[in-house]
PDB file of all heavy atoms in Angstrom:
ATOM      1  N   ARG A   1     237.804  85.182  70.186  1.00  0.00           N
ATOM      2  CA  ARG A   1     238.172  83.917  69.537  1.00  0.00           C
ATOM      3  C   ARG A   1     237.084  83.454  68.580  1.00  0.00           C
ATOM      4  O   ARG A   1     237.365  82.869  67.540  1.00  0.00           O
ATOM      5  CB  ARG A   1     238.429  82.856  70.599  1.00  0.00           C
ATOM      6  CG  ARG A   1     239.680  83.107  71.372  1.00  0.00           C
ATOM      7  CD  ARG A   1     239.941  82.034  72.380  1.00  0.00           C
ATOM      8  NE  ARG A   1     241.138  82.374  73.134  1.00  0.00           N
ATOM      9  CZ  ARG A   1     241.422  81.899  74.298  1.00  0.00           C
ATOM     10  NH1 ARG A   1     240.606  81.051  74.882  1.00  0.00           N
ATOM     11  NH2 ARG A   1     242.538  82.251  74.907  1.00  0.00           N
ATOM     12  N   THR A   2     235.836  83.721  68.935  1.00  0.00           N
ATOM     13  CA  THR A   2     234.722  83.336  68.069  1.00  0.00           C
ATOM     14  C   THR A   2     234.803  84.058  66.726  1.00  0.00           C
ATOM     15  O   THR A   2     234.608  83.448  65.665  1.00  0.00           O
ATOM     16  CB  THR A   2     233.376  83.648  68.755  1.00  0.00           C
ATOM     17  OG1 THR A   2     233.344  82.981  70.018  1.00  0.00           O
ATOM     18  CG2 THR A   2     232.213  83.188  67.908  1.00  0.00           C
ATOM     19  N   ALA A   3     235.107  85.348  66.749  1.00  0.00           N
ATOM     20  CA  ALA A   3     235.231  86.111  65.508  1.00  0.00           C
ATOM     21  C   ALA A   3     236.391  85.584  64.665  1.00  0.00           C
ATOM     22  O   ALA A   3     236.274  85.462  63.437  1.00  0.00           O
ATOM     23  CB  ALA A   3     235.411  87.594  65.808  1.00  0.00           C
ATOM     24  N   TRP A   4     237.513  85.251  65.308  1.00  0.00           N
ATOM     25  CA  TRP A   4     238.653  84.702  64.568  1.00  0.00           C
ATOM     26  C   TRP A   4     238.303  83.350  63.957  1.00  0.00           C
ATOM     27  O   TRP A   4     238.662  83.072  62.804  1.00  0.00           O
ATOM     28  CB  TRP A   4     239.878  84.577  65.477  1.00  0.00           C
ATOM     29  CG  TRP A   4     240.622  85.852  65.603  1.00  0.00           C
ATOM     30  CD1 TRP A   4     240.691  86.659  66.701  1.00  0.00           C
ATOM     31  CD2 TRP A   4     241.406  86.498  64.597  1.00  0.00           C
ATOM     32  NE1 TRP A   4     241.463  87.766  66.433  1.00  0.00           N
ATOM     33  CE2 TRP A   4     241.919  87.691  65.155  1.00  0.00           C
ATOM     34  CE3 TRP A   4     241.712  86.192  63.275  1.00  0.00           C
ATOM     35  CZ2 TRP A   4     242.727  88.565  64.439  1.00  0.00           C
ATOM     36  CZ3 TRP A   4     242.520  87.068  62.562  1.00  0.00           C
ATOM     37  CH2 TRP A   4     243.017  88.233  63.145  1.00  0.00           C
ATOM     38  N   LEU A   5     237.609  82.509  64.710  1.00  0.00           N
ATOM     39  CA  LEU A   5     237.204  81.199  64.198  1.00  0.00           C
ATOM     40  C   LEU A   5     236.273  81.363  62.992  1.00  0.00           C
ATOM     41  O   LEU A   5     236.447  80.701  61.969  1.00  0.00           O
ATOM     42  CB  LEU A   5     236.514  80.394  65.304  1.00  0.00           C
ATOM     43  CG  LEU A   5     236.051  79.007  64.919  1.00  0.00           C
ATOM     44  CD1 LEU A   5     237.238  78.135  64.527  1.00  0.00           C
ATOM     45  CD2 LEU A   5     235.291  78.369  66.075  1.00  0.00           C
ATOM     46  N   TRP A   6     235.311  82.257  63.097  1.00  0.00           N
ATOM     47  CA  TRP A   6     234.367  82.518  62.012  1.00  0.00           C
ATOM     48  C   TRP A   6     235.107  83.006  60.761  1.00  0.00           C
ATOM     49  O   TRP A   6     234.872  82.524  59.655  1.00  0.00           O
ATOM     50  CB  TRP A   6     233.323  83.530  62.470  1.00  0.00           C
ATOM     51  CG  TRP A   6     232.391  83.963  61.391  1.00  0.00           C
ATOM     52  CD1 TRP A   6     232.288  85.196  60.850  1.00  0.00           C
ATOM     53  CD2 TRP A   6     231.432  83.155  60.705  1.00  0.00           C
ATOM     54  NE1 TRP A   6     231.326  85.219  59.872  1.00  0.00           N
ATOM     55  CE2 TRP A   6     230.783  83.982  59.762  1.00  0.00           C
ATOM     56  CE3 TRP A   6     231.064  81.818  60.784  1.00  0.00           C
ATOM     57  CZ2 TRP A   6     229.795  83.507  58.908  1.00  0.00           C
ATOM     58  CZ3 TRP A   6     230.067  81.349  59.933  1.00  0.00           C
ATOM     59  CH2 TRP A   6     229.446  82.189  59.015  1.00  0.00           C
ATOM     60  N   HIS A   7     236.013  83.958  60.928  1.00  0.00           N
ATOM     61  CA  HIS A   7     236.739  84.486  59.774  1.00  0.00           C
ATOM     62  C   HIS A   7     237.706  83.449  59.198  1.00  0.00           C
ATOM     63  O   HIS A   7     237.926  83.401  57.987  1.00  0.00           O
ATOM     64  CB  HIS A   7     237.455  85.787  60.132  1.00  0.00           C
ATOM     65  CG  HIS A   7     236.545  86.961  60.076  1.00  0.00           C
ATOM     66  ND1 HIS A   7     235.623  87.228  61.062  1.00  0.00           N
ATOM     67  CD2 HIS A   7     236.382  87.923  59.149  1.00  0.00           C
ATOM     68  CE1 HIS A   7     234.945  88.307  60.741  1.00  0.00           C
ATOM     69  NE2 HIS A   7     235.381  88.745  59.583  1.00  0.00           N
ATOM     70  N   GLY A   8     238.292  82.623  60.031  1.00  0.00           N
ATOM     71  CA  GLY A   8     239.147  81.539  59.546  1.00  0.00           C
ATOM     72  C   GLY A   8     238.372  80.541  58.700  1.00  0.00           C
ATOM     73  O   GLY A   8     238.832  80.107  57.640  1.00  0.00           O
ATOM     74  N   LEU A   9     237.176  80.192  59.149  1.00  0.00           N
ATOM     75  CA  LEU A   9     236.322  79.291  58.389  1.00  0.00           C
ATOM     76  C   LEU A   9     235.929  79.920  57.051  1.00  0.00           C
ATOM     77  O   LEU A   9     235.975  79.265  56.007  1.00  0.00           O
ATOM     78  CB  LEU A   9     235.068  78.939  59.199  1.00  0.00           C
ATOM     79  CG  LEU A   9     234.050  78.038  58.523  1.00  0.00           C
ATOM     80  CD1 LEU A   9     234.664  76.695  58.168  1.00  0.00           C
ATOM     81  CD2 LEU A   9     232.826  77.858  59.396  1.00  0.00           C
ATOM     82  N   ARG A  10     235.573  81.194  57.079  1.00  0.00           N
ATOM     83  CA  ARG A  10     235.226  81.893  55.835  1.00  0.00           C
ATOM     84  C   ARG A  10     236.422  81.896  54.870  1.00  0.00           C
ATOM     85  O   ARG A  10     236.247  81.747  53.665  1.00  0.00           O
ATOM     86  CB  ARG A  10     234.774  83.316  56.131  1.00  0.00           C
ATOM     87  CG  ARG A  10     233.415  83.381  56.808  1.00  0.00           C
ATOM     88  CD  ARG A  10     233.030  84.814  57.061  1.00  0.00           C
ATOM     89  NE  ARG A  10     232.870  85.502  55.792  1.00  0.00           N
ATOM     90  CZ  ARG A  10     231.716  85.895  55.278  1.00  0.00           C
ATOM     91  NH1 ARG A  10     230.615  85.683  55.950  1.00  0.00           N
ATOM     92  NH2 ARG A  10     231.653  86.508  54.118  1.00  0.00           N
ATOM     93  N   ALA A  11     237.650  82.076  55.400  1.00  0.00           N
ATOM     94  CA  ALA A  11     238.845  82.083  54.546  1.00  0.00           C
ATOM     95  C   ALA A  11     239.069  80.713  53.906  1.00  0.00           C
ATOM     96  O   ALA A  11     239.397  80.623  52.721  1.00  0.00           O
ATOM     97  CB  ALA A  11     240.062  82.511  55.351  1.00  0.00           C
ATOM     98  N   VAL A  12     238.884  79.640  54.676  1.00  0.00           N
ATOM     99  CA  VAL A  12     239.049  78.291  54.137  1.00  0.00           C
ATOM    100  C   VAL A  12     238.033  78.029  53.024  1.00  0.00           C
ATOM    101  O   VAL A  12     238.344  77.398  52.014  1.00  0.00           O
ATOM    102  CB  VAL A  12     238.933  77.233  55.254  1.00  0.00           C
ATOM    103  CG1 VAL A  12     238.821  75.827  54.694  1.00  0.00           C
ATOM    104  CG2 VAL A  12     240.127  77.332  56.194  1.00  0.00           C
ATOM    105  N   LEU A  13     236.822  78.556  53.191  1.00  0.00           N
ATOM    106  CA  LEU A  13     235.770  78.366  52.194  1.00  0.00           C
ATOM    107  C   LEU A  13     235.851  79.360  51.041  1.00  0.00           C
ATOM    108  O   LEU A  13     235.045  79.322  50.119  1.00  0.00           O
ATOM    109  CB  LEU A  13     234.393  78.475  52.863  1.00  0.00           C
ATOM    110  CG  LEU A  13     234.090  77.399  53.905  1.00  0.00           C
ATOM    111  CD1 LEU A  13     232.775  77.705  54.609  1.00  0.00           C
ATOM    112  CD2 LEU A  13     234.080  76.012  53.264  1.00  0.00           C
ATOM    113  N   GLY A  14     236.837  80.279  51.087  1.00  0.00           N
ATOM    114  CA  GLY A  14     236.992  81.267  50.032  1.00  0.00           C
ATOM    115  C   GLY A  14     235.959  82.374  50.099  1.00  0.00           C
ATOM    116  O   GLY A  14     235.663  83.005  49.085  1.00  0.00           O
ATOM    117  N   ARG A  15     235.407  82.632  51.276  1.00  0.00           N
ATOM    118  CA  ARG A  15     234.342  83.619  51.434  1.00  0.00           C
ATOM    119  C   ARG A  15     234.721  84.756  52.383  1.00  0.00           C
ATOM    120  O   ARG A  15     233.846  85.434  52.916  1.00  0.00           O
ATOM    121  CB  ARG A  15     233.064  82.942  51.913  1.00  0.00           C
ATOM    122  CG  ARG A  15     232.547  81.923  50.936  1.00  0.00           C
ATOM    123  CD  ARG A  15     231.242  81.339  51.404  1.00  0.00           C
ATOM    124  NE  ARG A  15     230.752  80.329  50.498  1.00  0.00           N
ATOM    125  CZ  ARG A  15     229.956  80.582  49.474  1.00  0.00           C
ATOM    126  NH1 ARG A  15     229.579  81.799  49.208  1.00  0.00           N
ATOM    127  NH2 ARG A  15     229.532  79.606  48.706  1.00  0.00           N
ATOM    128  N   LEU A  16     235.992  84.964  52.590  1.00  0.00           N
ATOM    129  CA  LEU A  16     236.445  86.075  53.429  1.00  0.00           C
ATOM    130  C   LEU A  16     236.241  87.376  52.660  1.00  0.00           C
ATOM    131  O   LEU A  16     236.677  87.499  51.520  1.00  0.00           O
ATOM    132  CB  LEU A  16     237.922  85.884  53.787  1.00  0.00           C
ATOM    133  CG  LEU A  16     238.504  86.806  54.831  1.00  0.00           C
ATOM    134  CD1 LEU A  16     237.797  86.654  56.170  1.00  0.00           C
ATOM    135  CD2 LEU A  16     239.985  86.517  55.013  1.00  0.00           C
ATOM    136  N   ARG A  17     235.562  88.330  53.268  1.00  0.00           N
ATOM    137  CA  ARG A  17     235.241  89.582  52.594  1.00  0.00           C
ATOM    138  C   ARG A  17     235.597  90.771  53.470  1.00  0.00           C
ATOM    139  O   ARG A  17     235.608  90.677  54.688  1.00  0.00           O
ATOM    140  CB  ARG A  17     233.737  89.652  52.270  1.00  0.00           C
ATOM    141  CG  ARG A  17     233.226  88.548  51.390  1.00  0.00           C
ATOM    142  CD  ARG A  17     233.714  88.731  49.949  1.00  0.00           C
ATOM    143  NE  ARG A  17     233.247  87.652  49.103  1.00  0.00           N
ATOM    144  CZ  ARG A  17     233.989  86.631  48.707  1.00  0.00           C
ATOM    145  NH1 ARG A  17     235.232  86.529  49.072  1.00  0.00           N
ATOM    146  NH2 ARG A  17     233.496  85.699  47.926  1.00  0.00           N
ATOM    147  N   THR A  18     235.851  91.893  52.823  1.00  0.00           N
ATOM    148  CA  THR A  18     236.111  93.119  53.559  1.00  0.00           C
ATOM    149  C   THR A  18     234.818  93.591  54.225  1.00  0.00           C
ATOM    150  O   THR A  18     233.717  93.277  53.780  1.00  0.00           O
ATOM    151  CB  THR A  18     236.651  94.216  52.632  1.00  0.00           C
ATOM    152  OG1 THR A  18     235.716  94.442  51.585  1.00  0.00           O
ATOM    153  CG2 THR A  18     237.995  93.825  52.054  1.00  0.00           C
ATOM    154  N   GLY A  19     234.982  94.339  55.296  1.00  0.00           N
ATOM    155  CA  GLY A  19     233.853  94.848  56.065  1.00  0.00           C
ATOM    156  C   GLY A  19     234.370  95.502  57.333  1.00  0.00           C
ATOM    157  O   GLY A  19     235.533  95.915  57.382  1.00  0.00           O
ATOM    158  N   ARG A  20     233.556  95.551  58.368  1.00  0.00           N
ATOM    159  CA  ARG A  20     233.975  96.250  59.586  1.00  0.00           C
ATOM    160  C   ARG A  20     235.124  95.553  60.315  1.00  0.00           C
ATOM    161  O   ARG A  20     235.860  96.184  61.049  1.00  0.00           O
ATOM    162  CB  ARG A  20     232.794  96.476  60.519  1.00  0.00           C
ATOM    163  CG  ARG A  20     232.208  95.234  61.123  1.00  0.00           C
ATOM    164  CD  ARG A  20     230.977  95.578  61.959  1.00  0.00           C
ATOM    165  NE  ARG A  20     230.378  94.374  62.473  1.00  0.00           N
ATOM    166  CZ  ARG A  20     230.388  94.047  63.749  1.00  0.00           C
ATOM    167  NH1 ARG A  20     230.919  94.839  64.634  1.00  0.00           N
ATOM    168  NH2 ARG A  20     229.852  92.909  64.137  1.00  0.00           N
ATOM    169  N   HIS A  21     235.294  94.240  60.092  1.00  0.00           N
ATOM    170  CA  HIS A  21     236.380  93.512  60.754  1.00  0.00           C
ATOM    171  C   HIS A  21     237.615  93.332  59.880  1.00  0.00           C
ATOM    172  O   HIS A  21     238.645  92.859  60.352  1.00  0.00           O
ATOM    173  CB  HIS A  21     235.904  92.131  61.206  1.00  0.00           C
ATOM    174  CG  HIS A  21     234.909  92.164  62.306  1.00  0.00           C
ATOM    175  ND1 HIS A  21     235.220  92.604  63.562  1.00  0.00           N
ATOM    176  CD2 HIS A  21     233.599  91.825  62.329  1.00  0.00           C
ATOM    177  CE1 HIS A  21     234.148  92.532  64.314  1.00  0.00           C
ATOM    178  NE2 HIS A  21     233.142  92.070  63.593  1.00  0.00           N
ATOM    179  N   LEU A  22     237.529  93.678  58.602  1.00  0.00           N
ATOM    180  CA  LEU A  22     238.649  93.460  57.690  1.00  0.00           C
ATOM    181  C   LEU A  22     238.694  94.550  56.628  1.00  0.00           C
ATOM    182  O   LEU A  22     237.692  94.816  55.967  1.00  0.00           O
ATOM    183  CB  LEU A  22     238.514  92.091  57.004  1.00  0.00           C
ATOM    184  CG  LEU A  22     239.499  91.786  55.880  1.00  0.00           C
ATOM    185  CD1 LEU A  22     240.928  91.765  56.391  1.00  0.00           C
ATOM    186  CD2 LEU A  22     239.139  90.471  55.204  1.00  0.00           C
ATOM    187  N   GLU A  23     239.869  95.147  56.485  1.00  0.00           N
ATOM    188  CA  GLU A  23     240.133  96.077  55.382  1.00  0.00           C
ATOM    189  C   GLU A  23     241.344  95.557  54.625  1.00  0.00           C
ATOM    190  O   GLU A  23     242.249  94.980  55.217  1.00  0.00           O
ATOM    191  CB  GLU A  23     240.405  97.483  55.905  1.00  0.00           C
ATOM    192  CG  GLU A  23     239.171  98.108  56.528  1.00  0.00           C
ATOM    193  CD  GLU A  23     239.331  99.594  56.715  1.00  0.00           C
ATOM    194  OE1 GLU A  23     239.577 100.295  55.708  1.00  0.00           O
ATOM    195  OE2 GLU A  23     239.205 100.031  57.857  1.00  0.00           O
ATOM    196  N   VAL A  24     241.345  95.767  53.318  1.00  0.00           N
ATOM    197  CA  VAL A  24     242.433  95.299  52.460  1.00  0.00           C
ATOM    198  C   VAL A  24     242.963  96.487  51.671  1.00  0.00           C
ATOM    199  O   VAL A  24     242.196  97.307  51.175  1.00  0.00           O
ATOM    200  CB  VAL A  24     241.941  94.197  51.497  1.00  0.00           C
ATOM    201  CG1 VAL A  24     243.066  93.746  50.573  1.00  0.00           C
ATOM    202  CG2 VAL A  24     241.386  93.009  52.262  1.00  0.00           C
ATOM    203  N   ALA A  25     244.295  96.577  51.571  1.00  0.00           N
ATOM    204  CA  ALA A  25     244.928  97.645  50.789  1.00  0.00           C
ATOM    205  C   ALA A  25     246.076  97.045  49.981  1.00  0.00           C
ATOM    206  O   ALA A  25     246.696  96.069  50.399  1.00  0.00           O
ATOM    207  CB  ALA A  25     245.439  98.750  51.702  1.00  0.00           C
ATOM    208  N   ARG A  26     246.352  97.657  48.829  1.00  0.00           N
ATOM    209  CA  ARG A  26     247.530  97.312  48.014  1.00  0.00           C
ATOM    210  C   ARG A  26     248.512  98.452  48.156  1.00  0.00           C
ATOM    211  O   ARG A  26     248.190  99.603  47.877  1.00  0.00           O
ATOM    212  CB  ARG A  26     247.141  97.157  46.558  1.00  0.00           C
ATOM    213  CG  ARG A  26     246.341  95.940  46.273  1.00  0.00           C
ATOM    214  CD  ARG A  26     246.104  95.842  44.795  1.00  0.00           C
ATOM    215  NE  ARG A  26     245.234  94.731  44.509  1.00  0.00           N
ATOM    216  CZ  ARG A  26     244.755  94.468  43.322  1.00  0.00           C
ATOM    217  NH1 ARG A  26     245.070  95.240  42.293  1.00  0.00           N
ATOM    218  NH2 ARG A  26     243.970  93.438  43.131  1.00  0.00           N
ATOM    219  N   LEU A  27     249.733  98.120  48.576  1.00  0.00           N
ATOM    220  CA  LEU A  27     250.725  99.149  48.883  1.00  0.00           C
ATOM    221  C   LEU A  27     252.099  98.727  48.416  1.00  0.00           C
ATOM    222  O   LEU A  27     252.363  97.554  48.168  1.00  0.00           O
ATOM    223  CB  LEU A  27     250.773  99.383  50.398  1.00  0.00           C
ATOM    224  CG  LEU A  27     249.454  99.714  51.093  1.00  0.00           C
ATOM    225  CD1 LEU A  27     249.611  99.605  52.592  1.00  0.00           C
ATOM    226  CD2 LEU A  27     249.011 101.110  50.703  1.00  0.00           C
ATOM    227  N   ARG A  28     253.000  99.699  48.343  1.00  0.00           N
ATOM    228  CA  ARG A  28     254.428  99.454  48.089  1.00  0.00           C
ATOM    229  C   ARG A  28     255.220  99.516  49.393  1.00  0.00           C
ATOM    230  O   ARG A  28     256.225  98.845  49.536  1.00  0.00           O
ATOM    231  CB  ARG A  28     254.985 100.494  47.119  1.00  0.00           C
ATOM    232  CG  ARG A  28     254.434 100.395  45.740  1.00  0.00           C
ATOM    233  CD  ARG A  28     255.159  99.339  45.004  1.00  0.00           C
ATOM    234  NE  ARG A  28     254.664  99.245  43.645  1.00  0.00           N
ATOM    235  CZ  ARG A  28     255.156  98.391  42.793  1.00  0.00           C
ATOM    236  NH1 ARG A  28     256.139  97.614  43.147  1.00  0.00           N
ATOM    237  NH2 ARG A  28     254.663  98.314  41.591  1.00  0.00           N
ATOM    238  N   HIS A  29     254.772 100.370  50.328  1.00  0.00           N
ATOM    239  CA  HIS A  29     255.443 100.537  51.619  1.00  0.00           C
ATOM    240  C   HIS A  29     254.395 100.819  52.685  1.00  0.00           C
ATOM    241  O   HIS A  29     253.373 101.436  52.390  1.00  0.00           O
ATOM    242  CB  HIS A  29     256.422 101.717  51.591  1.00  0.00           C
ATOM    243  CG  HIS A  29     257.537 101.528  50.626  1.00  0.00           C
ATOM    244  ND1 HIS A  29     257.459 101.956  49.323  1.00  0.00           N
ATOM    245  CD2 HIS A  29     258.744 100.939  50.766  1.00  0.00           C
ATOM    246  CE1 HIS A  29     258.584 101.638  48.699  1.00  0.00           C
ATOM    247  NE2 HIS A  29     259.378 101.024  49.540  1.00  0.00           N
ATOM    248  N   LEU A  30     254.670 100.399  53.915  1.00  0.00           N
ATOM    249  CA  LEU A  30     253.787 100.699  55.033  1.00  0.00           C
ATOM    250  C   LEU A  30     254.573 100.666  56.330  1.00  0.00           C
ATOM    251  O   LEU A  30     255.656 100.089  56.396  1.00  0.00           O
ATOM    252  CB  LEU A  30     252.620  99.714  55.100  1.00  0.00           C
ATOM    253  CG  LEU A  30     252.972  98.261  55.440  1.00  0.00           C
ATOM    254  CD1 LEU A  30     251.938  97.691  56.386  1.00  0.00           C
ATOM    255  CD2 LEU A  30     253.015  97.444  54.161  1.00  0.00           C
ATOM    256  N   ARG A  31     254.005 101.302  57.330  1.00  0.00           N
ATOM    257  CA  ARG A  31     254.583 101.262  58.675  1.00  0.00           C
ATOM    258  C   ARG A  31     253.502 100.744  59.614  1.00  0.00           C
ATOM    259  O   ARG A  31     252.360 101.181  59.554  1.00  0.00           O
ATOM    260  CB  ARG A  31     255.041 102.642  59.109  1.00  0.00           C
ATOM    261  CG  ARG A  31     255.831 102.603  60.421  1.00  0.00           C
ATOM    262  CD  ARG A  31     256.363 103.953  60.837  1.00  0.00           C
ATOM    263  NE  ARG A  31     255.288 104.725  61.453  1.00  0.00           N
ATOM    264  CZ  ARG A  31     254.888 105.920  61.052  1.00  0.00           C
ATOM    265  NH1 ARG A  31     255.453 106.515  60.034  1.00  0.00           N
ATOM    266  NH2 ARG A  31     253.915 106.538  61.673  1.00  0.00           N
ATOM    267  N   ILE A  32     253.875  99.802  60.477  1.00  0.00           N
ATOM    268  CA  ILE A  32     252.967  99.266  61.480  1.00  0.00           C
ATOM    269  C   ILE A  32     253.449  99.751  62.832  1.00  0.00           C
ATOM    270  O   ILE A  32     254.581  99.467  63.231  1.00  0.00           O
ATOM    271  CB  ILE A  32     252.920  97.729  61.434  1.00  0.00           C
ATOM    272  CG1 ILE A  32     252.489  97.240  60.051  1.00  0.00           C
ATOM    273  CG2 ILE A  32     251.986  97.191  62.528  1.00  0.00           C
ATOM    274  CD1 ILE A  32     252.571  95.748  59.857  1.00  0.00           C
ATOM    275  N   ASP A  33     252.611 100.507  63.518  1.00  0.00           N
ATOM    276  CA  ASP A  33     252.911 101.017  64.854  1.00  0.00           C
ATOM    277  C   ASP A  33     252.116 100.245  65.889  1.00  0.00           C
ATOM    278  O   ASP A  33     251.035  99.733  65.604  1.00  0.00           O
ATOM    279  CB  ASP A  33     252.561 102.511  64.958  1.00  0.00           C
ATOM    280  CG  ASP A  33     253.528 103.375  64.175  1.00  0.00           C
ATOM    281  OD1 ASP A  33     254.709 102.988  64.056  1.00  0.00           O
ATOM    282  OD2 ASP A  33     253.101 104.424  63.681  1.00  0.00           O
ATOM    283  N   GLY A  34     252.646 100.216  67.115  1.00  0.00           N
ATOM    284  CA  GLY A  34     252.029  99.495  68.214  1.00  0.00           C
ATOM    285  C   GLY A  34     253.002  98.447  68.716  1.00  0.00           C
ATOM    286  O   GLY A  34     254.067  98.233  68.123  1.00  0.00           O
ATOM    287  N   GLN A  35     252.659  97.797  69.789  1.00  0.00           N
ATOM    288  CA  GLN A  35     253.523  96.776  70.372  1.00  0.00           C
ATOM    289  C   GLN A  35     252.921  95.395  70.162  1.00  0.00           C
ATOM    290  O   GLN A  35     251.878  95.075  70.725  1.00  0.00           O
ATOM    291  CB  GLN A  35     253.711  97.038  71.871  1.00  0.00           C
ATOM    292  CG  GLN A  35     254.527  98.270  72.168  1.00  0.00           C
ATOM    293  CD  GLN A  35     255.962  98.101  71.714  1.00  0.00           C
ATOM    294  OE1 GLN A  35     256.602  97.108  72.011  1.00  0.00           O
ATOM    295  NE2 GLN A  35     256.461  99.078  70.982  1.00  0.00           N
ATOM    296  N   ALA A  36     253.577  94.586  69.329  1.00  0.00           N
ATOM    297  CA  ALA A  36     253.142  93.214  69.082  1.00  0.00           C
ATOM    298  C   ALA A  36     254.292  92.442  68.457  1.00  0.00           C
ATOM    299  O   ALA A  36     255.093  93.008  67.722  1.00  0.00           O
ATOM    300  CB  ALA A  36     251.932  93.188  68.154  1.00  0.00           C
ATOM    301  N   PRO A  37     254.385  91.145  68.738  1.00  0.00           N
ATOM    302  CA  PRO A  37     255.386  90.332  68.048  1.00  0.00           C
ATOM    303  C   PRO A  37     254.970  90.152  66.591  1.00  0.00           C
ATOM    304  O   PRO A  37     253.791  90.213  66.249  1.00  0.00           O
ATOM    305  CB  PRO A  37     255.340  88.996  68.795  1.00  0.00           C
ATOM    306  CG  PRO A  37     253.993  88.951  69.426  1.00  0.00           C
ATOM    307  CD  PRO A  37     253.589  90.370  69.684  1.00  0.00           C
ATOM    308  N   PHE A  38     255.959  89.951  65.703  1.00  0.00           N
ATOM    309  CA  PHE A  38     255.621  89.667  64.309  1.00  0.00           C
ATOM    310  C   PHE A  38     256.373  88.441  63.834  1.00  0.00           C
ATOM    311  O   PHE A  38     257.384  88.037  64.409  1.00  0.00           O
ATOM    312  CB  PHE A  38     255.862  90.878  63.397  1.00  0.00           C
ATOM    313  CG  PHE A  38     257.297  91.295  63.235  1.00  0.00           C
ATOM    314  CD1 PHE A  38     258.094  90.722  62.271  1.00  0.00           C
ATOM    315  CD2 PHE A  38     257.833  92.282  64.040  1.00  0.00           C
ATOM    316  CE1 PHE A  38     259.416  91.110  62.109  1.00  0.00           C
ATOM    317  CE2 PHE A  38     259.149  92.687  63.895  1.00  0.00           C
ATOM    318  CZ  PHE A  38     259.939  92.103  62.929  1.00  0.00           C
TER     319      PHE A  38
END
């Protein structure tokens, strides 16, 4: 929860960056595997 809170604060301040906790990709199609609600 601490990591989520930190990243949420960074996003509000416009300082969210890619790194070991976040990767960003631009795609046309993707598949998400695993079990989770969406």
